[in-house]
Amino acid sequence: MGKQKQGITFFDRYLSLWVLLCMGLGIVLGRYLPGFSDFFRKLEVARINIPIAILIWLMVYPMMLKIDFTSIKNVGKNPKGLFLTWVVNWLIKPFSMFGISALFFYVIYKNILPADLAKDYLAGAVLLGAAPCTAMVFVWSALTKGNPAYTLMQVATNDLIILAAFVPIVGLLLGVNGISVPWLTLVLSVVLFIVIPLVLASVTRHLVIKNKGLDFLNQKVIPSFNPITIAGLLCTLIIIFSLQADLIISNPLHIVLIALPLTLQTFFIFAIGFLGARILRLPFDIAAPAGMIGASNFFELAVAVAIAVFPLHPGVALATIVGVLVEVPVMLMLVRIANRNQSLFHYEKH
C-alpha cells in the first residue's frame, strides 16, 4: 500500500490516477474484447449484477468496521457540530446537487447533451448528493488534524440517518426529474449495500473487540482490508467501464461535462459547512471535518445503486464514477484550503 503520510496512503493520494487507468483499461476491454463485458452482463439476478455487488461489499464492509456506534452516546456533549453536519448533509446537499446539476445538464449544456443522457447524468448526480461520505472522511479529518472522536460521531450518526433518508430523498428528486422510480429495487439496494454490511461489520467489530481488544481491530484487522478495498474499487471500475465502453467512446467529452457541476457542488457544500462552523464558533478540529463530510460522497453506495436501479441507463453509473474521479484531487485541495484558514477559528475570549 505504500508508506503512510499524514493519514493518507500512496494509493489514496493518487487514487484519481488509478481510477483513470482502470477506466481506460475497462474501455479497451469493452471495445476490443466484447466477450469480457458480455460475460458480466449475464451475471445478474433481480437486476443486481452479482460480481459488482460482491466487489461493492469488499469496499463497503471494511469501511463499516471503522464505525463505533457506541460513540453516539456522547452526542449531547457538543451537539452544534453534529446539527451543522446533519443540516448540510440532508437539508442542503441533496437539493443543491440537484439544482446545480440541473442547471448544467439542462441549461448550460442544452445544446451539447442529448436530453436522455442529461436526465441520466442528473440521476447519477442525485445518487451522489444523497450519500454523504462515511469512510474517506476519516482520511480528510486526519489531514486537517480533526478531532477523531467527534469525526466518529459525525460519521456514525450519518450512517444511521442514511438508512432512513436515502431512499425517500432519492425517490423525491428522481421523481422531480421525471424518472420512474423502481422503489422496490431502490430499497433492496439500500438493504444489500448498507444494512447487511453494516450489521455484519458491527457484529464483527463487537466480536473482535471482545476477544482481541480495540487496538487489535484498529491496528491489525482494519488495515488488513485496505488492499482489498482498493482492489475492489479498481476492479469495479474496470467492469463498469467495459460495460459502458461504447457510450464513453462516442461521448468522451461527457466526463469533463459531468465533472464540472460535481466539482462546483463540492466547493459549495464545503464552504457552507466550514463557514457555518465559523458562525457557530466551533473549534477548527470540528469545523474542518464538518466541511469535509458533506463535501465528499459515499460513492461506493451511489455506484452500487446506479447499477442496480438503472441497469439499462449506463449514463447514471457513469456520472457516479466521475464522482470517484474528481473526489480525491478536489478534497485534497479543500484540505489545503482548510489548513490555511485555521486562523478563522481563533476566537477572542469575551
Protein backbone atom coordinates (compact mmCIF):
# COMPACT_ATOMS: atom_id res chain seq x y z
CA MET A 1 0.00 0.00 0.00
CA GLY A 2 2.95 2.37 0.30
CA LYS A 3 4.08 4.36 3.27
CA GLN A 4 1.51 6.43 5.03
CA LYS A 5 1.90 10.14 5.23
CA GLN A 6 -0.33 12.28 7.41
CA GLY A 7 -3.06 9.62 7.41
CA ILE A 8 -3.25 9.15 3.64
CA THR A 9 -1.62 6.29 1.75
CA PHE A 10 0.21 6.31 -1.56
CA PHE A 11 -2.79 4.70 -3.25
CA ASP A 12 -5.22 7.15 -1.63
CA ARG A 13 -3.16 10.15 -2.72
CA TYR A 14 -3.06 9.01 -6.34
CA LEU A 15 -6.48 7.37 -6.40
CA SER A 16 -7.62 9.54 -9.30
CA LEU A 17 -4.69 8.25 -11.37
CA TRP A 18 -5.59 4.62 -10.65
CA VAL A 19 -9.21 5.44 -11.46
CA LEU A 20 -8.19 6.90 -14.82
CA LEU A 21 -6.02 3.88 -15.64
CA CYS A 22 -8.78 1.42 -14.78
CA MET A 23 -11.31 3.46 -16.72
CA GLY A 24 -9.01 3.24 -19.73
CA LEU A 25 -8.45 -0.49 -19.26
CA GLY A 26 -12.18 -1.09 -18.96
CA ILE A 27 -12.88 0.87 -22.14
CA VAL A 28 -10.20 -1.08 -24.05
CA LEU A 29 -11.60 -4.42 -22.84
CA GLY A 30 -15.16 -3.41 -23.66
CA ARG A 31 -14.17 -2.19 -27.09
CA TYR A 32 -11.77 -4.88 -28.25
CA LEU A 33 -12.81 -7.87 -26.11
CA PRO A 34 -16.63 -7.70 -26.16
CA GLY A 35 -16.80 -11.19 -24.66
CA PHE A 36 -15.44 -9.71 -21.40
CA SER A 37 -18.35 -7.31 -20.92
CA ASP A 38 -20.89 -9.81 -22.27
CA PHE A 39 -19.80 -12.28 -19.59
CA PHE A 40 -20.52 -9.80 -16.80
CA ARG A 41 -23.82 -8.69 -18.34
CA LYS A 42 -25.13 -12.23 -17.96
CA LEU A 43 -24.34 -12.44 -14.24
CA GLU A 44 -27.42 -10.60 -12.96
CA VAL A 45 -30.11 -11.64 -10.51
CA ALA A 46 -33.15 -9.40 -9.90
CA ARG A 47 -31.36 -6.61 -11.82
CA ILE A 48 -28.38 -6.85 -9.44
CA ASN A 49 -25.03 -7.57 -11.09
CA ILE A 50 -23.55 -10.25 -8.82
CA PRO A 51 -19.79 -9.66 -9.45
CA ILE A 52 -20.18 -5.92 -8.97
CA ALA A 53 -22.30 -6.49 -5.85
CA ILE A 54 -19.52 -8.65 -4.36
CA LEU A 55 -16.90 -6.00 -5.20
CA ILE A 56 -19.06 -3.27 -3.65
CA TRP A 57 -19.27 -5.38 -0.50
CA LEU A 58 -15.49 -5.64 -0.43
CA MET A 59 -15.41 -1.83 -0.38
CA VAL A 60 -18.28 -1.12 2.00
CA TYR A 61 -17.76 -3.78 4.68
CA PRO A 62 -14.24 -2.65 5.74
CA MET A 63 -15.46 0.95 5.93
CA MET A 64 -18.31 -0.07 8.21
CA LEU A 65 -15.80 -1.77 10.54
CA LYS A 66 -14.49 1.70 11.44
CA ILE A 67 -17.85 2.90 12.76
CA ASP A 68 -18.30 2.78 16.53
CA PHE A 69 -21.99 3.31 17.19
CA THR A 70 -21.38 3.46 20.93
CA SER A 71 -19.91 6.91 20.28
CA ILE A 72 -23.46 8.16 19.71
CA LYS A 73 -23.99 8.21 23.47
CA ASN A 74 -21.75 11.31 23.52
CA VAL A 75 -23.91 13.25 21.05
CA GLY A 76 -25.35 15.57 23.67
CA LYS A 77 -21.96 16.80 24.92
CA ASN A 78 -21.28 19.13 21.96
CA PRO A 79 -24.25 18.97 19.58
CA LYS A 80 -23.69 22.09 17.46
CA GLY A 81 -21.20 20.44 15.12
CA LEU A 82 -23.50 17.46 14.66
CA PHE A 83 -26.53 19.64 13.96
CA LEU A 84 -24.48 21.51 11.36
CA THR A 85 -23.43 18.24 9.71
CA TRP A 86 -26.99 16.94 9.62
CA VAL A 87 -28.43 20.15 8.18
CA VAL A 88 -25.76 20.43 5.47
CA ASN A 89 -25.86 16.73 4.54
CA TRP A 90 -29.61 16.18 4.49
CA LEU A 91 -31.39 19.52 4.10
CA ILE A 92 -28.96 21.27 1.75
CA LYS A 93 -26.61 18.91 -0.08
CA PRO A 94 -29.05 16.65 -1.99
CA PHE A 95 -31.09 19.63 -3.20
CA SER A 96 -28.13 21.83 -4.10
CA MET A 97 -26.65 18.90 -6.04
CA PHE A 98 -29.92 18.56 -7.91
CA GLY A 99 -30.12 22.32 -8.59
CA ILE A 100 -26.51 22.80 -9.70
CA SER A 101 -26.52 19.66 -11.84
CA ALA A 102 -29.86 20.52 -13.44
CA LEU A 103 -28.52 23.98 -14.28
CA PHE A 104 -25.54 22.48 -16.09
CA PHE A 105 -27.16 19.46 -17.74
CA TYR A 106 -30.44 21.10 -18.78
CA VAL A 107 -29.46 24.74 -19.35
CA ILE A 108 -25.73 25.31 -19.83
CA TYR A 109 -25.25 22.02 -21.74
CA LYS A 110 -28.62 22.17 -23.51
CA ASN A 111 -27.07 22.24 -26.98
CA ILE A 112 -24.33 19.73 -26.11
CA LEU A 113 -26.03 16.84 -24.29
CA PRO A 114 -28.86 14.73 -25.68
CA ALA A 115 -31.93 15.03 -23.44
CA ASP A 116 -31.89 11.37 -22.42
CA LEU A 117 -28.24 11.47 -21.34
CA ALA A 118 -28.77 14.75 -19.48
CA LYS A 119 -31.53 13.07 -17.48
CA ASP A 120 -29.32 10.05 -16.75
CA TYR A 121 -26.38 12.20 -15.65
CA LEU A 122 -28.63 14.19 -13.35
CA ALA A 123 -29.92 10.96 -11.81
CA GLY A 124 -26.33 9.90 -11.11
CA ALA A 125 -25.60 13.27 -9.50
CA VAL A 126 -28.69 12.86 -7.30
CA LEU A 127 -27.42 9.50 -6.05
CA LEU A 128 -24.09 11.12 -5.13
CA GLY A 129 -25.77 14.08 -3.46
CA ALA A 130 -27.90 11.89 -1.21
CA ALA A 131 -24.93 9.83 0.03
CA PRO A 132 -22.56 11.77 2.33
CA CYS A 133 -19.14 10.27 2.96
CA THR A 134 -18.75 7.50 5.54
CA ALA A 135 -15.13 6.39 5.13
CA MET A 136 -12.78 8.74 3.29
CA VAL A 137 -13.82 11.49 5.70
CA PHE A 138 -11.56 9.81 8.26
CA VAL A 139 -8.66 10.50 5.89
CA TRP A 140 -9.67 14.13 5.35
CA SER A 141 -10.17 14.58 9.09
CA ALA A 142 -6.68 13.20 9.79
CA LEU A 143 -5.12 15.54 7.23
CA THR A 144 -6.70 18.56 8.95
CA LYS A 145 -5.88 17.21 12.44
CA GLY A 146 -9.57 16.84 13.13
CA ASN A 147 -10.95 15.56 16.40
CA PRO A 148 -11.10 11.78 15.73
CA ALA A 149 -13.75 11.06 18.37
CA TYR A 150 -16.02 13.81 17.07
CA THR A 151 -15.50 12.75 13.45
CA LEU A 152 -16.52 9.26 14.51
CA MET A 153 -19.76 10.64 15.95
CA GLN A 154 -20.45 12.61 12.77
CA VAL A 155 -19.98 9.52 10.62
CA ALA A 156 -21.90 7.18 12.94
CA THR A 157 -24.95 9.41 13.12
CA ASN A 158 -24.89 9.97 9.36
CA ASP A 159 -24.81 6.22 8.76
CA LEU A 160 -27.97 5.89 10.83
CA ILE A 161 -29.69 8.79 9.06
CA ILE A 162 -28.83 7.41 5.62
CA LEU A 163 -30.79 4.25 6.42
CA ALA A 164 -33.98 6.31 6.71
CA ALA A 165 -33.32 9.31 4.46
CA PHE A 166 -31.55 7.99 1.36
CA VAL A 167 -34.49 6.24 -0.31
CA PRO A 168 -37.13 8.98 0.14
CA ILE A 169 -34.74 11.79 -0.87
CA VAL A 170 -33.54 9.94 -3.97
CA GLY A 171 -37.10 8.97 -4.85
CA LEU A 172 -38.31 12.55 -4.47
CA LEU A 173 -35.55 14.10 -6.60
CA LEU A 174 -35.71 11.42 -9.28
CA GLY A 175 -39.46 11.93 -9.42
CA VAL A 176 -38.99 15.67 -9.88
CA ASN A 177 -36.58 14.80 -12.70
CA GLY A 178 -39.32 12.81 -14.40
CA ILE A 179 -37.66 9.43 -13.83
CA SER A 180 -39.79 6.43 -12.95
CA VAL A 181 -38.57 5.26 -9.56
CA PRO A 182 -38.35 1.47 -9.05
CA TRP A 183 -38.95 1.73 -5.32
CA LEU A 184 -38.54 -1.97 -4.57
CA THR A 185 -35.14 -2.11 -6.30
CA LEU A 186 -34.07 1.11 -4.57
CA VAL A 187 -34.98 -0.24 -1.14
CA LEU A 188 -33.36 -3.59 -1.96
CA SER A 189 -30.15 -1.79 -2.92
CA VAL A 190 -30.03 0.01 0.43
CA VAL A 191 -30.60 -3.27 2.26
CA LEU A 192 -27.88 -5.04 0.25
CA PHE A 193 -25.26 -2.31 0.25
CA ILE A 194 -25.83 -0.58 3.60
CA VAL A 195 -27.95 -2.57 6.04
CA ILE A 196 -26.40 -6.03 5.60
CA PRO A 197 -22.73 -4.96 5.55
CA LEU A 198 -23.42 -2.54 8.41
CA VAL A 199 -24.92 -5.29 10.57
CA LEU A 200 -22.15 -7.76 9.70
CA ALA A 201 -19.43 -5.18 10.33
CA SER A 202 -20.99 -4.22 13.68
CA VAL A 203 -21.10 -7.86 14.77
CA THR A 204 -17.51 -8.39 13.59
CA ARG A 205 -16.37 -5.27 15.40
CA HIS A 206 -18.04 -6.36 18.62
CA LEU A 207 -16.55 -9.88 18.49
CA VAL A 208 -13.04 -8.70 17.64
CA ILE A 209 -13.02 -6.07 20.40
CA LYS A 210 -14.43 -8.59 22.88
CA ASN A 211 -11.80 -11.22 22.09
CA LYS A 212 -8.76 -9.22 20.95
CA GLY A 213 -9.35 -5.61 22.00
CA LEU A 214 -9.87 -2.30 20.22
CA ASP A 215 -6.18 -1.83 19.41
CA PHE A 216 -6.09 -5.15 17.58
CA LEU A 217 -9.10 -4.08 15.50
CA ASN A 218 -7.64 -0.68 14.60
CA GLN A 219 -4.03 -1.77 14.09
CA LYS A 220 -4.44 -5.23 12.56
CA VAL A 221 -7.92 -6.02 11.27
CA ILE A 222 -8.96 -2.75 9.60
CA PRO A 223 -5.57 -2.06 7.93
CA SER A 224 -5.55 -5.61 6.52
CA PHE A 225 -8.61 -4.71 4.44
CA ASN A 226 -7.02 -1.66 2.79
CA PRO A 227 -5.57 -3.54 -0.22
CA ILE A 228 -8.87 -5.40 -0.64
CA THR A 229 -10.86 -2.17 -0.59
CA ILE A 230 -8.66 -0.54 -3.23
CA ALA A 231 -8.69 -3.69 -5.37
CA GLY A 232 -12.47 -3.89 -5.10
CA LEU A 233 -12.85 -0.29 -6.27
CA LEU A 234 -10.46 -0.66 -9.20
CA CYS A 235 -11.95 -3.97 -10.38
CA THR A 236 -15.42 -2.44 -10.17
CA LEU A 237 -14.28 0.42 -12.38
CA ILE A 238 -12.81 -1.95 -14.96
CA ILE A 239 -16.07 -3.91 -15.20
CA ILE A 240 -18.29 -0.82 -15.27
CA PHE A 241 -16.28 0.92 -17.95
CA SER A 242 -16.10 -2.23 -20.06
CA LEU A 243 -19.91 -2.31 -19.93
CA GLN A 244 -20.06 1.38 -20.91
CA ALA A 245 -17.26 1.43 -23.49
CA ASP A 246 -19.49 2.30 -26.44
CA LEU A 247 -21.18 5.17 -24.57
CA ILE A 248 -17.86 6.66 -23.46
CA ILE A 249 -16.10 6.28 -26.80
CA SER A 250 -18.97 8.05 -28.53
CA ASN A 251 -19.08 10.78 -25.85
CA PRO A 252 -15.54 11.31 -24.44
CA LEU A 253 -16.19 14.96 -23.60
CA HIS A 254 -19.02 13.97 -21.27
CA ILE A 255 -16.67 13.01 -18.44
CA VAL A 256 -15.45 16.61 -18.30
CA LEU A 257 -19.01 17.93 -18.61
CA ILE A 258 -20.12 15.80 -15.65
CA ALA A 259 -17.06 16.71 -13.58
CA LEU A 260 -17.70 20.47 -13.69
CA PRO A 261 -21.01 20.60 -11.74
CA LEU A 262 -19.80 17.91 -9.33
CA THR A 263 -16.69 19.95 -8.57
CA LEU A 264 -18.68 23.16 -8.12
CA GLN A 265 -21.07 21.36 -5.78
CA THR A 266 -18.15 20.04 -3.71
CA PHE A 267 -16.72 23.53 -3.16
CA PHE A 268 -20.18 24.95 -2.43
CA ILE A 269 -21.02 22.38 0.24
CA PHE A 270 -17.60 22.65 1.85
CA ALA A 271 -17.98 26.44 2.07
CA ILE A 272 -21.38 26.11 3.77
CA GLY A 273 -20.12 23.59 6.32
CA PHE A 274 -16.79 25.30 7.00
CA LEU A 275 -18.16 28.85 7.26
CA GLY A 276 -21.22 27.61 9.13
CA ALA A 277 -18.86 26.18 11.73
CA ARG A 278 -17.16 29.58 11.94
CA ILE A 279 -20.50 31.27 12.58
CA LEU A 280 -21.26 28.71 15.29
CA ARG A 281 -17.79 29.37 16.78
CA LEU A 282 -16.80 25.71 16.62
CA PRO A 283 -13.13 24.77 17.08
CA PHE A 284 -11.12 24.04 13.93
CA ASP A 285 -10.75 20.33 14.71
CA ILE A 286 -14.55 20.01 14.47
CA ALA A 287 -15.12 22.61 11.75
CA ALA A 288 -12.80 21.03 9.18
CA PRO A 289 -14.34 17.53 9.32
CA ALA A 290 -17.81 19.10 9.31
CA GLY A 291 -16.99 20.72 5.98
CA MET A 292 -15.34 17.58 4.61
CA ILE A 293 -18.06 15.05 5.43
CA GLY A 294 -20.65 16.92 3.37
CA ALA A 295 -18.30 17.78 0.52
CA SER A 296 -17.20 14.19 -0.08
CA ASN A 297 -19.52 11.37 -1.09
CA PHE A 298 -20.28 7.74 -0.26
CA PHE A 299 -19.56 6.96 -3.90
CA GLU A 300 -19.50 3.19 -3.35
CA LEU A 301 -23.20 3.29 -2.44
CA ALA A 302 -24.01 5.67 -5.30
CA VAL A 303 -22.28 3.39 -7.84
CA ALA A 304 -23.97 0.28 -6.48
CA VAL A 305 -27.45 1.83 -6.54
CA ALA A 306 -26.90 3.29 -10.02
CA ILE A 307 -26.04 -0.16 -11.38
CA ALA A 308 -28.87 -1.92 -9.56
CA VAL A 309 -31.64 0.60 -10.15
CA PHE A 310 -30.72 1.74 -13.67
CA PRO A 311 -29.11 -1.24 -15.46
CA LEU A 312 -30.47 -0.04 -18.82
CA HIS A 313 -29.19 3.51 -18.33
CA PRO A 314 -25.37 3.32 -18.13
CA GLY A 315 -25.12 7.12 -18.06
CA VAL A 316 -26.37 7.08 -14.45
CA ALA A 317 -23.48 4.87 -13.33
CA LEU A 318 -21.06 6.91 -15.43
CA ALA A 319 -21.99 10.08 -13.51
CA THR A 320 -21.37 8.37 -10.17
CA ILE A 321 -17.99 7.07 -11.38
CA VAL A 322 -16.95 10.58 -12.40
CA GLY A 323 -17.65 11.44 -8.76
CA VAL A 324 -14.88 8.98 -7.81
CA LEU A 325 -12.56 10.56 -10.36
CA VAL A 326 -12.89 14.14 -9.10
CA GLU A 327 -13.21 13.44 -5.38
CA VAL A 328 -9.60 12.86 -4.34
CA PRO A 329 -7.89 15.83 -6.07
CA VAL A 330 -10.71 18.21 -5.12
CA MET A 331 -10.81 17.04 -1.50
CA LEU A 332 -7.02 17.35 -1.17
CA MET A 333 -7.40 20.91 -2.42
CA LEU A 334 -10.06 21.57 0.22
CA VAL A 335 -7.78 20.10 2.89
CA ARG A 336 -5.15 22.68 1.95
CA ILE A 337 -7.75 25.47 1.98
CA ALA A 338 -8.96 24.39 5.42
CA ASN A 339 -5.47 24.17 6.89
CA ARG A 340 -4.52 27.60 5.54
CA ASN A 341 -7.55 29.17 7.22
CA GLN A 342 -7.18 27.80 10.74
CA SER A 343 -6.80 31.36 11.99
CA LEU A 344 -10.51 31.94 11.30
CA PHE A 345 -11.22 29.67 14.26
CA HIS A 346 -9.04 31.51 16.79
CA TYR A 347 -11.80 33.21 18.72
CA GLU A 348 -11.39 36.16 21.05
CA LYS A 349 -12.47 35.49 24.57
CA HIS A 350 -15.15 37.78 25.93
